[in-house]
Amino acid sequence: MSSAVEIVDYQPAWGVDFTELGRALRLALGDGAQRIDHIGSTAVPGLAAKPVIDIQISVLTLEPVDDFRLPLEQLGYVYRADNPERTKRYFREPPGRRRTHVHVRQLGSFSQQLPLLFRDYLRAHPAAAAEYATVKRRYAQQFRHDRQAYVEAKDPFVWQIVRRADGWAQRIGWTPGPSDA
């Protein structure tokens, strides 16, 4: 059993925290990172979230992993080689530091584009973000001590938002804006 699922009101400090983290990541990775983006709920102004900063680093290729693993480890990030998701490499915050998840994904891949589209759609549609906050709070309360059940319970709503976001992207010709760091 993992720690309790906690959803908190949006904190403007999340953007400031990302800016500091992104700056350090950009210095460490240089041009090896094609993009460094603030993703997830903490990247959507006004959206309630788990107080975890999610960062996506987009690279040209996931192999060799040492090209980005070594600079990230020098910053103290912990590589999670046992992550089961094959479309990314996953790192956690340095021990004792603010909760941060770093997702390294291949530039242009579906798994790299999806979190950017999801974020941008919610930023552009505050009513959808408010719906998402309601769903997250409901399931966080219902599955407070079962993180996996929480994730599985909100998945149908997430995919409903993805369908809406895809239609929106088609209508406006969405492409990701510039890198956040």
Protein backbone atom coordinates (compact mmCIF):
# COMPACT_ATOMS: atom_id res chain seq x y z
CA MET A 1 0.00 0.00 0.00
CA SER A 2 1.41 3.41 -0.97
CA SER A 3 0.88 6.84 0.55
CA ALA A 4 -2.59 8.34 0.57
CA VAL A 5 -3.92 9.96 -2.59
CA GLU A 6 -4.24 13.67 -1.85
CA ILE A 7 -5.70 16.27 -4.21
CA VAL A 8 -5.07 19.89 -3.23
CA ASP A 9 -6.17 23.23 -4.64
CA TYR A 10 -4.01 24.72 -7.38
CA GLN A 11 -0.84 26.39 -6.08
CA PRO A 12 0.77 29.16 -8.18
CA ALA A 13 4.11 28.04 -6.70
CA TRP A 14 3.96 24.92 -8.88
CA GLY A 15 4.83 26.99 -11.95
CA VAL A 16 7.70 28.65 -10.07
CA ASP A 17 8.95 25.24 -8.90
CA PHE A 18 8.89 23.94 -12.47
CA THR A 19 10.78 26.99 -13.74
CA GLU A 20 13.61 26.34 -11.26
CA LEU A 21 13.70 22.61 -12.00
CA GLY A 22 13.50 23.21 -15.75
CA ARG A 23 16.39 25.66 -15.66
CA ALA A 24 18.63 23.13 -13.88
CA LEU A 25 17.57 20.36 -16.26
CA ARG A 26 18.26 22.53 -19.32
CA LEU A 27 21.76 23.37 -18.01
CA ALA A 28 22.50 19.69 -17.33
CA LEU A 29 21.06 18.29 -20.57
CA GLY A 30 21.76 21.09 -23.05
CA ASP A 31 20.75 20.26 -26.59
CA GLY A 32 20.32 16.59 -25.64
CA ALA A 33 16.83 17.59 -24.48
CA GLN A 34 14.81 18.69 -27.50
CA ARG A 35 12.06 19.87 -25.13
CA ILE A 36 11.58 20.18 -21.38
CA ASP A 37 7.93 20.67 -20.48
CA HIS A 38 5.77 21.04 -17.39
CA ILE A 39 3.01 18.45 -17.83
CA GLY A 40 0.29 16.95 -15.68
CA SER A 41 -2.28 18.70 -13.55
CA THR A 42 0.18 21.03 -11.80
CA ALA A 43 0.83 22.56 -15.26
CA VAL A 44 -2.79 23.69 -15.66
CA PRO A 45 -3.53 26.97 -13.85
CA GLY A 46 -6.49 26.60 -11.51
CA LEU A 47 -6.58 22.78 -11.62
CA ALA A 48 -6.56 20.87 -8.34
CA ALA A 49 -3.85 18.21 -8.32
CA LYS A 50 -1.65 15.86 -6.41
CA PRO A 51 1.24 18.12 -5.33
CA VAL A 52 3.72 16.44 -7.68
CA ILE A 53 5.58 18.30 -10.42
CA ASP A 54 5.57 16.23 -13.62
CA ILE A 55 8.27 17.08 -16.13
CA GLN A 56 8.57 15.64 -19.61
CA ILE A 57 11.96 15.64 -21.30
CA SER A 58 11.77 14.93 -25.02
CA VAL A 59 14.82 13.33 -26.61
CA LEU A 60 15.60 12.13 -30.13
CA THR A 61 16.01 8.53 -28.96
CA LEU A 62 15.59 6.61 -25.70
CA GLU A 63 18.80 4.65 -26.31
CA PRO A 64 21.46 4.86 -25.15
CA VAL A 65 19.85 5.76 -21.84
CA ASP A 66 23.17 7.00 -20.42
CA ASP A 67 22.99 10.07 -22.68
CA PHE A 68 20.36 11.53 -20.34
CA ARG A 69 20.58 9.19 -17.32
CA LEU A 70 24.06 10.35 -16.33
CA PRO A 71 23.28 14.11 -16.39
CA LEU A 72 20.02 13.50 -14.49
CA GLU A 73 21.75 11.36 -11.88
CA GLN A 74 24.38 14.09 -11.45
CA LEU A 75 21.48 16.37 -10.44
CA GLY A 76 20.39 13.70 -7.94
CA TYR A 77 17.44 12.25 -9.85
CA VAL A 78 16.86 8.55 -9.27
CA TYR A 79 16.47 6.37 -12.36
CA ARG A 80 13.66 3.83 -12.08
CA ALA A 81 14.86 1.15 -14.49
CA ASP A 82 12.00 -1.10 -13.33
CA ASN A 83 9.35 1.25 -14.74
CA PRO A 84 7.05 -1.02 -16.79
CA GLU A 85 6.07 1.67 -19.33
CA ARG A 86 8.24 0.93 -22.36
CA THR A 87 7.59 4.25 -24.14
CA LYS A 88 9.46 6.29 -21.54
CA ARG A 89 12.31 6.30 -19.08
CA TYR A 90 11.31 7.40 -15.59
CA PHE A 91 13.13 9.29 -12.85
CA ARG A 92 12.13 10.47 -9.38
CA GLU A 93 13.24 13.47 -7.36
CA PRO A 94 16.52 13.53 -5.48
CA PRO A 95 16.08 12.04 -1.97
CA GLY A 96 14.65 14.58 0.46
CA ARG A 97 13.53 17.01 -2.27
CA ARG A 98 10.06 18.06 -3.45
CA ARG A 99 8.08 15.27 -5.16
CA THR A 100 8.94 15.31 -8.86
CA HIS A 101 8.36 12.80 -11.64
CA VAL A 102 10.56 13.07 -14.73
CA HIS A 103 9.29 11.30 -17.84
CA VAL A 104 11.80 11.01 -20.69
CA ARG A 105 10.06 10.28 -23.98
CA GLN A 106 10.98 10.18 -27.64
CA LEU A 107 10.24 13.42 -29.48
CA GLY A 108 7.26 13.10 -31.82
CA SER A 109 5.99 9.82 -30.36
CA PHE A 110 2.35 9.40 -29.36
CA SER A 111 3.34 9.08 -25.70
CA GLN A 112 5.28 12.36 -25.93
CA GLN A 113 2.53 14.29 -27.75
CA LEU A 114 -0.40 13.09 -25.63
CA PRO A 115 0.51 14.81 -22.33
CA LEU A 116 1.17 18.07 -24.18
CA LEU A 117 -2.19 17.93 -25.96
CA PHE A 118 -3.99 16.98 -22.73
CA ARG A 119 -2.35 19.87 -20.86
CA ASP A 120 -3.00 22.40 -23.63
CA TYR A 121 -6.63 21.34 -23.98
CA LEU A 122 -7.27 21.72 -20.25
CA ARG A 123 -5.51 25.10 -20.23
CA ALA A 124 -7.77 26.26 -23.07
CA HIS A 125 -10.95 24.77 -21.57
CA PRO A 126 -11.36 25.74 -17.89
CA ALA A 127 -14.77 24.01 -17.68
CA ALA A 128 -13.17 20.69 -18.68
CA ALA A 129 -10.41 21.28 -16.13
CA ALA A 130 -13.06 21.90 -13.45
CA GLU A 131 -14.83 18.65 -14.43
CA TYR A 132 -11.51 16.83 -14.16
CA ALA A 133 -10.87 18.32 -10.70
CA THR A 134 -14.28 17.08 -9.53
CA VAL A 135 -13.56 13.57 -10.84
CA LYS A 136 -10.11 13.52 -9.23
CA ARG A 137 -11.42 14.69 -5.85
CA ARG A 138 -14.23 12.10 -5.91
CA TYR A 139 -11.92 9.20 -6.67
CA ALA A 140 -9.17 10.42 -4.34
CA GLN A 141 -11.69 10.31 -1.52
CA GLN A 142 -13.07 6.92 -2.60
CA PHE A 143 -9.66 5.31 -3.15
CA ARG A 144 -7.61 7.33 -0.68
CA HIS A 145 -5.30 4.42 0.18
CA ASP A 146 -5.22 2.67 -3.19
CA ARG A 147 -3.32 4.74 -5.76
CA GLN A 148 -3.76 2.16 -8.52
CA ALA A 149 -7.54 2.03 -8.03
CA TYR A 150 -7.60 5.85 -8.10
CA VAL A 151 -5.76 5.91 -11.44
CA GLU A 152 -7.98 3.18 -12.92
CA ALA A 153 -11.18 4.89 -11.73
CA LYS A 154 -10.36 8.21 -13.41
CA ASP A 155 -9.03 6.64 -16.64
CA PRO A 156 -12.41 6.60 -18.46
CA PHE A 157 -12.82 10.33 -17.83
CA VAL A 158 -9.23 11.01 -18.93
CA TRP A 159 -9.85 9.20 -22.23
CA GLN A 160 -13.09 11.17 -22.66
CA ILE A 161 -11.02 14.36 -22.35
CA VAL A 162 -8.46 12.95 -24.80
CA ARG A 163 -11.25 12.39 -27.36
CA ARG A 164 -12.44 15.97 -26.90
CA ALA A 165 -8.85 17.23 -27.11
CA ASP A 166 -8.30 15.32 -30.35
CA GLY A 167 -11.36 16.95 -31.93
CA TRP A 168 -10.17 20.35 -30.71
CA ALA A 169 -6.68 19.70 -32.09
CA GLN A 170 -8.15 18.79 -35.48
CA ARG A 171 -10.30 21.92 -35.54
CA ILE A 172 -7.54 24.37 -34.63
CA GLY A 173 -4.52 22.56 -36.14
CA TRP A 174 -2.90 22.16 -32.71
CA THR A 175 0.82 21.66 -32.46
CA PRO A 176 2.88 21.93 -29.27
CA GLY A 177 4.12 25.43 -28.55
CA PRO A 178 7.75 26.12 -27.66
CA SER A 179 9.52 24.10 -24.98
CA ASP A 180 8.87 25.32 -21.42
CA ALA A 181 12.58 25.29 -20.50
